[in-house]
Each structure stands twice: as structure tokens, then as C-alpha cells.
C-alpha atoms as a PDB file:
ATOM      1  CA  MET A   1      -0.820 175.950 120.489  1.00  0.00           C
ATOM      2  CA  LYS A   2       0.480 179.324 121.701  1.00  0.00           C
ATOM      3  CA  LYS A   3       1.541 177.640 124.925  1.00  0.00           C
ATOM      4  CA  TYR A   4       3.722 175.111 123.061  1.00  0.00           C
ATOM      5  CA  LEU A   5       5.196 177.828 120.834  1.00  0.00           C
ATOM      6  CA  PHE A   6       6.121 179.764 123.951  1.00  0.00           C
ATOM      7  CA  TYR A   7       8.004 176.803 125.462  1.00  0.00           C
ATOM      8  CA  PHE A   8       9.698 176.083 122.138  1.00  0.00           C
ATOM      9  CA  SER A   9      10.840 179.702 121.883  1.00  0.00           C
ATOM     10  CA  MET A  10      12.231 179.593 125.427  1.00  0.00           C
ATOM     11  CA  ALA A  11      14.132 176.404 124.576  1.00  0.00           C
ATOM     12  CA  LEU A  12      15.721 178.104 121.572  1.00  0.00           C
ATOM     13  CA  ILE A  13      16.761 181.082 123.694  1.00  0.00           C
ATOM     14  CA  ALA A  14      18.297 178.778 126.307  1.00  0.00           C
ATOM     15  CA  PHE A  15      20.235 176.950 123.620  1.00  0.00           C
ATOM     16  CA  ALA A  16      21.527 180.212 122.168  1.00  0.00           C
ATOM     17  CA  PHE A  17      22.707 181.487 125.549  1.00  0.00           C
ATOM     18  CA  SER A  18      24.425 178.218 126.414  1.00  0.00           C
ATOM     19  CA  SER A  19      26.153 177.838 123.049  1.00  0.00           C
ATOM     20  CA  CYS A  20      27.664 181.171 122.137  1.00  0.00           C
ATOM     21  CA  SER A  21      30.481 182.246 124.391  1.00  0.00           C
ATOM     22  CA  GLY A  22      32.126 179.376 126.213  1.00  0.00           C
ATOM     23  CA  LYS A  23      31.345 181.195 129.479  1.00  0.00           C
ATOM     24  CA  LYS A  24      28.669 180.271 131.954  1.00  0.00           C
ATOM     25  CA  GLY A  25      25.425 182.120 131.468  1.00  0.00           C
ATOM     26  CA  VAL A  26      21.972 181.950 132.954  1.00  0.00           C
ATOM     27  CA  PHE A  27      21.024 178.912 130.889  1.00  0.00           C
ATOM     28  CA  THR A  28      24.360 177.042 130.859  1.00  0.00           C
ATOM     29  CA  PRO A  29      23.705 173.496 132.118  1.00  0.00           C
ATOM     30  CA  THR A  30      25.648 172.029 135.015  1.00  0.00           C
ATOM     31  CA  SER A  31      28.339 169.610 133.924  1.00  0.00           C
ATOM     32  CA  SER A  32      27.984 165.914 134.654  1.00  0.00           C
ATOM     33  CA  GLY A  33      30.446 163.340 135.904  1.00  0.00           C
ATOM     34  CA  ARG A  34      32.415 162.930 139.103  1.00  0.00           C
ATOM     35  CA  ALA A  35      35.682 164.517 140.105  1.00  0.00           C
ATOM     36  CA  TYR A  36      38.673 163.075 138.227  1.00  0.00           C
ATOM     37  CA  GLU A  37      36.578 161.340 135.568  1.00  0.00           C
ATOM     38  CA  VAL A  38      37.821 162.017 132.019  1.00  0.00           C
ATOM     39  CA  LEU A  39      36.060 161.307 128.720  1.00  0.00           C
ATOM     40  CA  VAL A  40      38.327 160.736 125.701  1.00  0.00           C
ATOM     41  CA  VAL A  41      36.792 161.401 122.276  1.00  0.00           C
ATOM     42  CA  VAL A  42      38.735 159.211 119.842  1.00  0.00           C
ATOM     43  CA  ASP A  43      38.168 156.836 116.933  1.00  0.00           C
ATOM     44  CA  ASN A  44      37.791 153.313 118.283  1.00  0.00           C
ATOM     45  CA  PRO A  45      40.558 151.721 116.148  1.00  0.00           C
ATOM     46  CA  LEU A  46      42.990 154.533 117.027  1.00  0.00           C
ATOM     47  CA  TRP A  47      42.260 154.079 120.741  1.00  0.00           C
ATOM     48  CA  GLU A  48      43.590 150.516 120.521  1.00  0.00           C
ATOM     49  CA  ARG A  49      46.715 151.422 118.540  1.00  0.00           C
ATOM     50  CA  PRO A  50      49.993 152.725 120.097  1.00  0.00           C
ATOM     51  CA  ALA A  51      48.887 156.383 119.901  1.00  0.00           C
ATOM     52  CA  GLY A  52      45.711 155.686 121.843  1.00  0.00           C
ATOM     53  CA  ARG A  53      47.481 153.389 124.303  1.00  0.00           C
ATOM     54  CA  ALA A  54      50.006 156.147 125.011  1.00  0.00           C
ATOM     55  CA  LEU A  55      47.225 158.505 126.108  1.00  0.00           C
ATOM     56  CA  TYR A  56      45.499 155.779 128.094  1.00  0.00           C
ATOM     57  CA  ASN A  57      48.729 154.956 129.942  1.00  0.00           C
ATOM     58  CA  VAL A  58      49.210 158.608 130.902  1.00  0.00           C
ATOM     59  CA  LEU A  59      45.697 158.910 132.339  1.00  0.00           C
ATOM     60  CA  ASP A  60      46.064 155.521 134.039  1.00  0.00           C
ATOM     61  CA  THR A  61      49.179 156.616 135.975  1.00  0.00           C
ATOM     62  CA  ASP A  62      49.227 156.123 139.738  1.00  0.00           C
ATOM     63  CA  VAL A  63      48.750 159.186 141.939  1.00  0.00           C
ATOM     64  CA  PRO A  64      52.118 159.910 143.597  1.00  0.00           C
ATOM     65  CA  GLY A  65      52.553 159.995 147.352  1.00  0.00           C
ATOM     66  CA  LEU A  66      49.756 157.597 148.321  1.00  0.00           C
ATOM     67  CA  PRO A  67      50.279 154.437 150.388  1.00  0.00           C
ATOM     68  CA  GLN A  68      48.367 152.261 147.920  1.00  0.00           C
ATOM     69  CA  SER A  69      47.870 152.247 144.160  1.00  0.00           C
ATOM     70  CA  GLU A  70      45.167 154.685 143.013  1.00  0.00           C
ATOM     71  CA  ARG A  71      44.755 155.807 139.412  1.00  0.00           C
ATOM     72  CA  SER A  72      44.998 159.483 138.519  1.00  0.00           C
ATOM     73  CA  PHE A  73      41.684 159.392 136.637  1.00  0.00           C
ATOM     74  CA  LYS A  74      38.710 157.217 135.812  1.00  0.00           C
ATOM     75  CA  ILE A  75      38.867 156.865 132.035  1.00  0.00           C
ATOM     76  CA  MET A  76      35.893 156.734 129.669  1.00  0.00           C
ATOM     77  CA  TYR A  77      35.977 156.972 125.891  1.00  0.00           C
ATOM     78  CA  THR A  78      33.652 157.424 122.945  1.00  0.00           C
ATOM     79  CA  SER A  79      33.962 157.753 119.187  1.00  0.00           C
ATOM     80  CA  PRO A  80      33.385 161.168 117.561  1.00  0.00           C
ATOM     81  CA  GLN A  81      30.228 159.757 115.955  1.00  0.00           C
ATOM     82  CA  ASN A  82      28.736 159.037 119.391  1.00  0.00           C
ATOM     83  CA  TYR A  83      29.895 162.296 120.950  1.00  0.00           C
ATOM     84  CA  ASP A  84      26.379 163.649 121.480  1.00  0.00           C
ATOM     85  CA  MET A  85      24.971 166.455 123.636  1.00  0.00           C
ATOM     86  CA  THR A  86      24.687 164.165 126.653  1.00  0.00           C
ATOM     87  CA  LEU A  87      28.391 163.309 126.559  1.00  0.00           C
ATOM     88  CA  LYS A  88      29.310 166.922 125.834  1.00  0.00           C
ATOM     89  CA  LEU A  89      28.088 167.824 129.326  1.00  0.00           C
ATOM     90  CA  ILE A  90      30.854 165.798 131.021  1.00  0.00           C
ATOM     91  CA  ARG A  91      33.166 167.966 133.128  1.00  0.00           C
ATOM     92  CA  ASN A  92      36.542 166.737 131.786  1.00  0.00           C
ATOM     93  CA  ILE A  93      36.992 165.925 128.084  1.00  0.00           C
ATOM     94  CA  ILE A  94      39.975 165.139 125.859  1.00  0.00           C
ATOM     95  CA  ILE A  95      39.494 165.378 122.099  1.00  0.00           C
ATOM     96  CA  VAL A  96      42.019 163.496 119.967  1.00  0.00           C
ATOM     97  CA  ASP A  97      42.441 165.443 116.720  1.00  0.00           C
ATOM     98  CA  ILE A  98      44.894 163.820 114.299  1.00  0.00           C
ATOM     99  CA  GLN A  99      44.875 165.334 110.799  1.00  0.00           C
ATOM    100  CA  ASN A 100      47.572 166.007 108.197  1.00  0.00           C
ATOM    101  CA  ILE A 101      46.533 169.671 108.109  1.00  0.00           C
ATOM    102  CA  TYR A 102      48.653 170.216 111.231  1.00  0.00           C
ATOM    103  CA  THR A 103      52.404 170.738 111.041  1.00  0.00           C
ATOM    104  CA  GLN A 104      53.211 169.755 114.627  1.00  0.00           C
ATOM    105  CA  PRO A 105      51.533 168.455 117.813  1.00  0.00           C
ATOM    106  CA  LYS A 106      49.833 171.021 120.028  1.00  0.00           C
ATOM    107  CA  PHE A 107      47.586 171.437 123.068  1.00  0.00           C
ATOM    108  CA  LYS A 108      44.552 173.714 123.166  1.00  0.00           C
ATOM    109  CA  TYR A 109      41.876 174.034 125.781  1.00  0.00           C
ATOM    110  CA  ALA A 110      38.473 175.619 126.186  1.00  0.00           C
ATOM    111  CA  LYS A 111      36.494 176.285 129.355  1.00  0.00           C
ATOM    112  CA  ASP A 112      32.755 175.874 129.983  1.00  0.00           C
ATOM    113  CA  VAL A 113      31.910 175.236 126.331  1.00  0.00           C
ATOM    114  CA  TYR A 114      28.812 173.058 126.730  1.00  0.00           C
ATOM    115  CA  ALA A 115      28.392 173.058 130.502  1.00  0.00           C
ATOM    116  CA  SER A 116      29.890 174.504 133.673  1.00  0.00           C
ATOM    117  CA  PRO A 117      32.275 173.770 135.229  1.00  0.00           C
ATOM    118  CA  GLN A 118      33.969 172.081 132.279  1.00  0.00           C
ATOM    119  CA  MET A 119      37.421 171.745 130.721  1.00  0.00           C
ATOM    120  CA  ILE A 120      38.019 170.423 127.201  1.00  0.00           C
ATOM    121  CA  LEU A 121      41.597 169.642 126.180  1.00  0.00           C
ATOM    122  CA  THR A 122      42.229 169.098 122.462  1.00  0.00           C
ATOM    123  CA  ILE A 123      45.428 167.323 121.434  1.00  0.00           C
ATOM    124  CA  GLN A 124      46.250 168.046 117.793  1.00  0.00           C
ATOM    125  CA  ALA A 125      48.862 166.190 115.747  1.00  0.00           C
ATOM    126  CA  PRO A 126      49.605 165.589 112.052  1.00  0.00           C
ATOM    127  CA  ASP A 127      49.942 161.807 112.482  1.00  0.00           C
ATOM    128  CA  GLU A 128      49.716 159.028 115.058  1.00  0.00           C
ATOM    129  CA  GLU A 129      53.460 158.687 115.522  1.00  0.00           C
ATOM    130  CA  SER A 130      53.961 162.331 116.463  1.00  0.00           C
ATOM    131  CA  PHE A 131      50.823 162.192 118.647  1.00  0.00           C
ATOM    132  CA  GLU A 132      52.213 159.222 120.583  1.00  0.00           C
ATOM    133  CA  LYS A 133      55.579 160.909 121.131  1.00  0.00           C
ATOM    134  CA  PHE A 134      53.995 164.234 122.116  1.00  0.00           C
ATOM    135  CA  VAL A 135      51.696 162.613 124.672  1.00  0.00           C
ATOM    136  CA  GLU A 136      54.515 160.612 126.236  1.00  0.00           C
ATOM    137  CA  GLU A 137      56.766 163.682 126.470  1.00  0.00           C
ATOM    138  CA  ASN A 138      53.984 165.757 128.009  1.00  0.00           C
ATOM    139  CA  ARG A 139      52.472 163.177 130.333  1.00  0.00           C
ATOM    140  CA  GLN A 140      52.835 165.414 133.406  1.00  0.00           C
ATOM    141  CA  VAL A 141      51.302 168.372 131.559  1.00  0.00           C
ATOM    142  CA  ILE A 142      48.181 166.316 130.809  1.00  0.00           C
ATOM    143  CA  ILE A 143      47.902 164.986 134.367  1.00  0.00           C
ATOM    144  CA  ASP A 144      48.466 168.438 135.879  1.00  0.00           C
ATOM    145  CA  PHE A 145      45.936 170.035 133.519  1.00  0.00           C
ATOM    146  CA  PHE A 146      42.948 168.035 134.747  1.00  0.00           C
ATOM    147  CA  THR A 147      44.206 167.876 138.326  1.00  0.00           C
ATOM    148  CA  ARG A 148      44.399 171.670 138.356  1.00  0.00           C
ATOM    149  CA  ALA A 149      40.962 171.929 136.770  1.00  0.00           C
ATOM    150  CA  GLU A 150      39.472 169.900 139.622  1.00  0.00           C
ATOM    151  CA  MET A 151      41.439 171.847 142.231  1.00  0.00           C
ATOM    152  CA  ASN A 152      40.265 175.142 140.744  1.00  0.00           C
ATOM    153  CA  ARG A 153      36.684 173.932 141.145  1.00  0.00           C
ATOM    154  CA  GLN A 154      37.446 173.225 144.792  1.00  0.00           C
ATOM    155  CA  ILE A 155      39.056 176.673 145.175  1.00  0.00           C
ATOM    156  CA  SER A 156      35.905 178.270 143.755  1.00  0.00           C
ATOM    157  CA  ASN A 157      33.873 176.381 146.353  1.00  0.00           C
ATOM    158  CA  LEU A 158      36.256 177.431 149.128  1.00  0.00           C
ATOM    159  CA  GLU A 159      35.991 181.066 148.091  1.00  0.00           C
ATOM    160  CA  LYS A 160      32.241 180.876 148.734  1.00  0.00           C
ATOM    161  CA  LYS A 161      32.478 178.768 151.876  1.00  0.00           C
ATOM    162  CA  HIS A 162      35.541 178.289 154.052  1.00  0.00           C
ATOM    163  CA  SER A 163      36.483 178.366 157.711  1.00  0.00           C
ATOM    164  CA  ASP A 164      36.476 181.975 158.868  1.00  0.00           C
ATOM    165  CA  TYR A 165      38.043 180.905 162.148  1.00  0.00           C
ATOM    166  CA  ILE A 166      41.080 179.352 160.452  1.00  0.00           C
ATOM    167  CA  SER A 167      41.476 182.380 158.179  1.00  0.00           C
ATOM    168  CA  THR A 168      41.335 184.706 161.183  1.00  0.00           C
ATOM    169  CA  LYS A 169      43.790 182.595 163.172  1.00  0.00           C
ATOM    170  CA  VAL A 170      46.289 182.370 160.315  1.00  0.00           C
ATOM    171  CA  LYS A 171      45.984 186.123 159.843  1.00  0.00           C
ATOM    172  CA  SER A 172      46.719 186.847 163.493  1.00  0.00           C
ATOM    173  CA  MET A 173      49.617 184.404 163.780  1.00  0.00           C
ATOM    174  CA  PHE A 174      51.274 184.656 160.343  1.00  0.00           C
ATOM    175  CA  ASP A 175      49.826 187.823 158.799  1.00  0.00           C
ATOM    176  CA  SER A 176      48.597 185.561 155.991  1.00  0.00           C
ATOM    177  CA  ASP A 177      45.327 184.080 154.771  1.00  0.00           C
ATOM    178  CA  ILE A 178      44.231 180.649 153.574  1.00  0.00           C
ATOM    179  CA  TRP A 179      40.924 178.948 152.779  1.00  0.00           C
ATOM    180  CA  LEU A 180      40.206 175.597 154.432  1.00  0.00           C
ATOM    181  CA  PRO A 181      36.984 173.538 154.552  1.00  0.00           C
ATOM    182  CA  ALA A 182      34.702 174.498 157.415  1.00  0.00           C
ATOM    183  CA  GLU A 183      34.680 170.868 158.598  1.00  0.00           C
ATOM    184  CA  LEU A 184      38.147 171.363 160.138  1.00  0.00           C
ATOM    185  CA  THR A 185      36.892 172.487 163.548  1.00  0.00           C
ATOM    186  CA  GLY A 186      39.559 171.111 165.903  1.00  0.00           C
ATOM    187  CA  THR A 187      42.548 173.437 166.397  1.00  0.00           C
ATOM    188  CA  LYS A 188      45.835 173.710 168.266  1.00  0.00           C
ATOM    189  CA  THR A 189      48.504 176.403 168.435  1.00  0.00           C
ATOM    190  CA  GLY A 190      52.203 176.192 169.178  1.00  0.00           C
ATOM    191  CA  GLU A 191      55.293 178.305 168.682  1.00  0.00           C
ATOM    192  CA  ASN A 192      54.940 179.652 165.127  1.00  0.00           C
ATOM    193  CA  PHE A 193      52.666 176.667 164.529  1.00  0.00           C
ATOM    194  CA  PHE A 194      48.947 176.127 163.946  1.00  0.00           C
ATOM    195  CA  TRP A 195      46.979 172.905 163.351  1.00  0.00           C
ATOM    196  CA  ALA A 196      43.370 172.355 162.331  1.00  0.00           C
ATOM    197  CA  GLY A 197      41.629 169.047 161.769  1.00  0.00           C
ATOM    198  CA  THR A 198      38.351 167.160 161.713  1.00  0.00           C
ATOM    199  CA  ASN A 199      39.272 164.720 164.527  1.00  0.00           C
ATOM    200  CA  ALA A 200      37.303 162.058 162.648  1.00  0.00           C
ATOM    201  CA  ALA A 201      37.857 158.363 163.293  1.00  0.00           C
ATOM    202  CA  THR A 202      38.255 157.796 159.546  1.00  0.00           C
ATOM    203  CA  ALA A 203      38.716 160.109 156.561  1.00  0.00           C
ATOM    204  CA  ASP A 204      40.387 162.456 159.056  1.00  0.00           C
ATOM    205  CA  GLN A 205      41.538 165.686 157.357  1.00  0.00           C
ATOM    206  CA  ASN A 206      44.307 167.867 158.768  1.00  0.00           C
ATOM    207  CA  PHE A 207      46.075 171.142 158.032  1.00  0.00           C
ATOM    208  CA  VAL A 208      49.205 172.664 159.539  1.00  0.00           C
ATOM    209  CA  ILE A 209      51.089 175.896 158.982  1.00  0.00           C
ATOM    210  CA  TYR A 210      54.437 176.806 160.531  1.00  0.00           C
ATOM    211  CA  SER A 211      57.189 179.338 159.961  1.00  0.00           C
ATOM    212  CA  TYR A 212      60.898 179.722 160.654  1.00  0.00           C
ATOM    213  CA  PRO A 213      63.659 182.161 159.643  1.00  0.00           C
ATOM    214  CA  TYR A 214      65.076 182.046 156.126  1.00  0.00           C
ATOM    215  CA  THR A 215      68.843 181.535 156.090  1.00  0.00           C
ATOM    216  CA  ASP A 216      69.958 180.573 152.586  1.00  0.00           C
ATOM    217  CA  LYS A 217      68.914 178.694 149.453  1.00  0.00           C
ATOM    218  CA  ASP A 218      69.754 175.363 151.091  1.00  0.00           C
ATOM    219  CA  THR A 219      66.473 175.804 152.951  1.00  0.00           C
ATOM    220  CA  PHE A 220      64.743 174.622 149.773  1.00  0.00           C
ATOM    221  CA  THR A 221      66.209 171.132 149.731  1.00  0.00           C
ATOM    222  CA  LYS A 222      64.619 167.780 150.417  1.00  0.00           C
ATOM    223  CA  GLU A 223      67.012 167.032 153.274  1.00  0.00           C
ATOM    224  CA  TYR A 224      66.391 170.340 155.049  1.00  0.00           C
ATOM    225  CA  PHE A 225      62.635 170.039 154.568  1.00  0.00           C
ATOM    226  CA  ILE A 226      62.514 166.570 156.158  1.00  0.00           C
ATOM    227  CA  HIS A 227      64.739 167.695 159.049  1.00  0.00           C
ATOM    228  CA  LYS A 228      62.568 170.750 159.742  1.00  0.00           C
ATOM    229  CA  ARG A 229      59.285 168.879 159.329  1.00  0.00           C
ATOM    230  CA  ASP A 230      60.341 166.135 161.740  1.00  0.00           C
ATOM    231  CA  SER A 231      61.389 168.608 164.420  1.00  0.00           C
ATOM    232  CA  VAL A 232      58.172 170.655 164.102  1.00  0.00           C
ATOM    233  CA  MET A 233      55.851 167.650 164.058  1.00  0.00           C
ATOM    234  CA  LYS A 234      57.606 165.930 166.960  1.00  0.00           C
ATOM    235  CA  ALA A 235      57.051 169.041 169.069  1.00  0.00           C
ATOM    236  CA  ASN A 236      53.452 169.646 168.032  1.00  0.00           C
ATOM    237  CA  ILE A 237      51.758 166.411 166.830  1.00  0.00           C
ATOM    238  CA  PRO A 238      52.057 163.808 169.602  1.00  0.00           C
ATOM    239  CA  GLY A 239      50.469 160.377 169.545  1.00  0.00           C
ATOM    240  CA  SER A 240      47.973 158.868 171.948  1.00  0.00           C
ATOM    241  CA  LYS A 241      50.693 157.712 174.357  1.00  0.00           C
ATOM    242  CA  GLU A 242      53.886 159.200 175.700  1.00  0.00           C
ATOM    243  CA  GLY A 243      56.803 158.828 173.311  1.00  0.00           C
ATOM    244  CA  MET A 244      54.568 158.715 170.220  1.00  0.00           C
ATOM    245  CA  TYR A 245      54.873 161.497 167.649  1.00  0.00           C
ATOM    246  CA  MET A 246      54.511 162.160 163.939  1.00  0.00           C
ATOM    247  CA  ALA A 247      57.558 161.444 161.780  1.00  0.00           C
ATOM    248  CA  THR A 248      58.295 161.607 158.059  1.00  0.00           C
ATOM    249  CA  ASP A 249      58.880 158.451 156.041  1.00  0.00           C
ATOM    250  CA  SER A 250      61.891 160.005 154.297  1.00  0.00           C
ATOM    251  CA  VAL A 251      62.202 157.249 151.679  1.00  0.00           C
ATOM    252  CA  THR A 252      58.787 158.124 150.233  1.00  0.00           C
ATOM    253  CA  VAL A 253      59.281 161.906 149.991  1.00  0.00           C
ATOM    254  CA  ASP A 254      59.464 163.554 146.560  1.00  0.00           C
ATOM    255  CA  VAL A 255      59.986 167.282 146.053  1.00  0.00           C
ATOM    256  CA  ARG A 256      59.589 169.457 142.972  1.00  0.00           C
ATOM    257  CA  PRO A 257      59.492 173.188 142.205  1.00  0.00           C
ATOM    258  CA  ILE A 258      56.107 174.649 141.312  1.00  0.00           C
ATOM    259  CA  ASP A 259      54.721 178.140 140.737  1.00  0.00           C
ATOM    260  CA  VAL A 260      52.202 179.577 143.203  1.00  0.00           C
ATOM    261  CA  HIS A 261      50.987 183.134 142.547  1.00  0.00           C
ATOM    262  CA  GLY A 262      54.120 183.776 140.487  1.00  0.00           C
ATOM    263  CA  ASP A 263      56.502 182.718 143.270  1.00  0.00           C
ATOM    264  CA  TYR A 264      58.843 179.755 143.571  1.00  0.00           C
ATOM    265  CA  THR A 265      57.348 177.082 145.806  1.00  0.00           C
ATOM    266  CA  MET A 266      58.781 173.744 146.869  1.00  0.00           C
ATOM    267  CA  GLU A 267      56.131 171.057 146.784  1.00  0.00           C
ATOM    268  CA  ALA A 268      56.777 167.957 148.868  1.00  0.00           C
ATOM    269  CA  ARG A 269      54.635 164.852 149.045  1.00  0.00           C
ATOM    270  CA  GLY A 270      55.095 161.539 150.768  1.00  0.00           C
ATOM    271  CA  LEU A 271      54.003 159.487 153.763  1.00  0.00           C
ATOM    272  CA  TRP A 272      53.934 160.193 157.489  1.00  0.00           C
ATOM    273  CA  ARG A 273      54.082 157.660 160.308  1.00  0.00           C
ATOM    274  CA  MET A 274      53.201 157.896 163.965  1.00  0.00           C
ATOM    275  CA  LYS A 275      56.361 156.865 165.789  1.00  0.00           C
ATOM    276  CA  GLY A 276      55.544 154.010 168.149  1.00  0.00           C
ATOM    277  CA  ASP A 277      52.110 153.409 166.618  1.00  0.00           C
ATOM    278  CA  PHE A 278      50.615 151.877 163.465  1.00  0.00           C
ATOM    279  CA  MET A 279      49.017 155.110 162.242  1.00  0.00           C
ATOM    280  CA  GLY A 280      50.127 156.729 159.004  1.00  0.00           C
ATOM    281  CA  GLY A 281      49.030 158.283 155.740  1.00  0.00           C
ATOM    282  CA  PRO A 282      49.907 160.704 152.935  1.00  0.00           C
ATOM    283  CA  PHE A 283      50.828 164.382 153.148  1.00  0.00           C
ATOM    284  CA  VAL A 284      51.435 167.247 150.706  1.00  0.00           C
ATOM    285  CA  SER A 285      53.145 170.502 151.620  1.00  0.00           C
ATOM    286  CA  HIS A 286      54.078 173.847 150.055  1.00  0.00           C
ATOM    287  CA  THR A 287      57.141 175.719 151.289  1.00  0.00           C
ATOM    288  CA  ARG A 288      57.360 179.391 150.299  1.00  0.00           C
ATOM    289  CA  LEU A 289      59.505 182.415 151.081  1.00  0.00           C
ATOM    290  CA  ASP A 290      57.765 185.281 152.853  1.00  0.00           C
ATOM    291  CA  LYS A 291      59.928 188.042 151.419  1.00  0.00           C
ATOM    292  CA  ALA A 292      58.382 190.794 153.531  1.00  0.00           C
ATOM    293  CA  ASN A 293      59.453 189.104 156.766  1.00  0.00           C
ATOM    294  CA  LYS A 294      62.449 187.067 155.550  1.00  0.00           C
ATOM    295  CA  ARG A 295      60.982 183.827 156.784  1.00  0.00           C
ATOM    296  CA  ILE A 296      59.832 180.479 155.434  1.00  0.00           C
ATOM    297  CA  ILE A 297      56.180 179.507 155.656  1.00  0.00           C
ATOM    298  CA  THR A 298      55.211 175.881 155.159  1.00  0.00           C
ATOM    299  CA  THR A 299      51.611 174.797 154.747  1.00  0.00           C
ATOM    300  CA  GLU A 300      50.696 171.131 154.760  1.00  0.00           C
ATOM    301  CA  VAL A 301      47.674 168.885 154.524  1.00  0.00           C
ATOM    302  CA  PHE A 302      47.583 165.256 155.588  1.00  0.00           C
ATOM    303  CA  VAL A 303      44.925 162.611 156.086  1.00  0.00           C
ATOM    304  CA  TYR A 304      44.357 159.514 158.151  1.00  0.00           C
ATOM    305  CA  SER A 305      41.953 157.143 156.436  1.00  0.00           C
ATOM    306  CA  PRO A 306      43.157 153.549 156.760  1.00  0.00           C
ATOM    307  CA  ASP A 307      40.010 151.914 155.372  1.00  0.00           C
ATOM    308  CA  LYS A 308      39.268 154.231 152.431  1.00  0.00           C
ATOM    309  CA  LEU A 309      40.781 155.407 149.157  1.00  0.00           C
ATOM    310  CA  LYS A 310      42.607 158.702 149.583  1.00  0.00           C
ATOM    311  CA  ARG A 311      43.028 160.296 146.139  1.00  0.00           C
ATOM    312  CA  ASN A 312      40.012 162.591 146.177  1.00  0.00           C
ATOM    313  CA  LEU A 313      40.321 163.314 149.882  1.00  0.00           C
ATOM    314  CA  MET A 314      43.928 164.436 149.498  1.00  0.00           C
ATOM    315  CA  ARG A 315      43.425 166.411 146.297  1.00  0.00           C
ATOM    316  CA  MET A 316      40.446 168.245 147.755  1.00  0.00           C
ATOM    317  CA  LEU A 317      42.600 169.378 150.689  1.00  0.00           C
ATOM    318  CA  GLU A 318      45.623 170.061 148.485  1.00  0.00           C
ATOM    319  CA  ALA A 319      43.641 172.721 146.638  1.00  0.00           C
ATOM    320  CA  SER A 320      43.632 174.759 149.851  1.00  0.00           C
ATOM    321  CA  LEU A 321      47.413 175.092 149.733  1.00  0.00           C
ATOM    322  CA  TYR A 322      47.122 177.181 146.557  1.00  0.00           C
ATOM    323  CA  THR A 323      44.933 179.706 148.351  1.00  0.00           C
ATOM    324  CA  LEU A 324      47.671 180.818 150.747  1.00  0.00           C
ATOM    325  CA  LYS A 325      48.112 184.579 150.570  1.00  0.00           C
ATOM    326  CA  LEU A 326      51.376 185.806 152.082  1.00  0.00           C
ATOM    327  CA  PRO A 327      51.796 189.344 153.471  1.00  0.00           C
ATOM    328  CA  ASN A 328      51.519 192.063 150.795  1.00  0.00           C
ATOM    329  CA  GLU A 329      50.269 189.499 148.273  1.00  0.00           C
ATOM    330  CA  GLU A 330      47.165 189.934 146.134  1.00  0.00           C
ATOM    331  CA  GLN A 331      44.021 187.912 146.704  1.00  0.00           C
ATOM    332  CA  GLN A 332      44.124 184.207 145.884  1.00  0.00           C
ATOM    333  CA  GLY A 333      43.402 183.209 142.315  1.00  0.00           C
ATOM    334  CA  GLN A 334      43.008 180.096 140.213  1.00  0.00           C
ATOM    335  CA  ILE A 335      45.865 177.750 139.395  1.00  0.00           C
ATOM    336  CA  PRO A 336      47.209 178.396 135.850  1.00  0.00           C
ATOM    337  CA  MET A 337      46.303 175.562 133.465  1.00  0.00           C
ATOM    338  CA  GLY A 338      49.697 175.416 131.797  1.00  0.00           C
ATOM    339  CA  VAL A 339      48.609 175.087 128.144  1.00  0.00           C
ATOM    340  CA  THR A 340      47.341 177.443 125.447  1.00  0.00           C
ATOM    341  CA  LYS A 341      43.709 178.489 125.767  1.00  0.00           C
ATOM    342  CA  GLU A 342      41.294 178.547 122.849  1.00  0.00           C
ATOM    343  CA  GLU A 343      37.801 179.907 123.308  1.00  0.00           C
ATOM    344  CA  ASN A 344      35.723 177.504 121.234  1.00  0.00           C
ATOM    345  CA  THR A 345      33.087 179.331 119.185  1.00  0.00           C
ATOM    346  CA  ASN A 346      32.235 176.453 116.831  1.00  0.00           C
ATOM    347  CA  LYS A 347      30.036 174.288 118.957  1.00  0.00           C
END
């Protein structure tokens, strides 16, 4: 009897530790689910009405910059009545909270509430109509929130284990630092240029970094980026035969401003092609100003995986771009989530 009381007491202690702070403790369980899976907690009838369909359509959006259609997330849903402790362990959760006690729609999020790593986004609204409008207006915020959550998990993994060789090489060539997966073992250097890759026949992962002098603000334009990328890649990424080289599919390129470590960054994503060959795939790049040296530094990841889906492969590599530390910059941190945080204490 004493033996069973002992185990019961230990179970109560574990529950108390895992339920009180929203931060991972000794007894916090590991979250379940795969990367980019999202559970929506919503009343079944509401899920089928326009408000629910609006949220579904946001989560069901195609990932930009890929050569084939791939959804941003795998979507699961459950009613609040069935939202039990098993489902509460899922890594990405959206709670739909529509009540007339609210005056306006609002986002709130909590981290590692029931498990770790975990992100729970609550969308509050006074009624279904305002909920639908709010979700549609903030579609990119919702997509970015869970994309950043997954990338931050990858950054945490990279902090513990990354390629020391690449970090050392980038430090010596660019006086900078970046964390890349240790699987990128093939390397090549050029003039103000460095490449690392897996050299795999499929699911091939690649990283490049290059720099050039900063002239004026026109440097941060789509046209200038494509021109510079094409010239750098032609000189440094040849194909298997003479006359073959990497080129940018300019029609597919989209650029947007983002914030990285508090600095303006131009994000570009699109497709690359091997000139004179049938090879190609997606790429994502970050272009930043190195103020200390008055130069531009561009980091890029791209993959070649003709027979596989590319969403997770690309996003896993893309997380590395956020770890770039320019000269005189503080150590890399997590990507801001972009919505108001609420530490959930009512579990």
C-alpha cells in the first residue's frame, strides 16, 4: 500500500510542476505532433460556418516560393468538449474564443503551457462576423506565428548542434557567425563567397553567403537583388557541364521587408534554374546591411529535391538565416512571434 501511495504522490508532484508556470520544468511532458501540424479547438457547427471556414482557408494557404502546391499546415480540429489532456500536448494549437464579453477581436498566445515545445494561439472576438473579418485581415500574422514557432524550435536545436566548421569559416571570411546543420559538409570558397551543401542526390540542402559594397538604398530592390544574385551564382555555382550555371527564375521572385535582430532585412524567395540543364528548386535569401563595414551581406538557402515535397526541408534551412550575427551584433536570438503574449495560469 505504501508503495502505491508513493507513486501516487509522485504523480501529483509531476502534475503540479507541469501545470503551474507555462515554462518547461523537470516534469513537463514533451509535446506531440509533427512540424507544421496545427490543432484548432472550435465548436463543430462554427467550424463549418463562414467564421470557421475563414480560419481554415488561412491555414490551408499554399507555401510561397515552392515549385509545386504544398499547404502551409496540416490542419486538425476538435470541439472544446473533446479537448482533453492528450490533445493538449500537441505542439501547435489555436483556440477559437468567441464571446460577447469581448469588445473587439484580439490575439493572445502562451508558450509551453501543457507541454514543451508548444505554442497556443487564442483568437478572441465578440461575434462570428468580426472573427471572420479579423482572421482574413491578419492571415499573414497567423501563418507567420506558427511558422516562426517551428523555426524557433529549429534554432534551439541549431544552438545545441551546428556545424562548427561553417561558423569558423564564415567568421574568418565575413567576420560574422551563422548556425547551419552539421550535415552540410561539402564546401567551396570564392571571392567574398562561401558555399556549403550536403551533395546529396536528393533532398540536397545548400547554403551560400556573399558580400559586396553598399552604394545606396536602390541596393534593396528586387531588380538589383536578381541582377546581383545572377552574377554571383554564375561565377560560383556551375553545372555539371561547361556553359551550365545557376540562374534566377525572375518571374517567380517575391521580396518583402522583415525584421531580423531589430534591423531591416530584405527577404527574397523564388525558384532557381540550372542554365542548360533540367535542375531547379526553391530558394530563400536574407539581404542585410553590415553597418560596421558599409557592405551588403546576403545569406541564402536552396534545395534540390525533385522527387520529394520541399516545405519542411526549406523551412528547416530557412531558420538558419535568422541566426546570422553580423559584426558587433549580439548573439543570435529567437524570432519575435509578432502578437501579444499571455502567460496562461488557468490550466
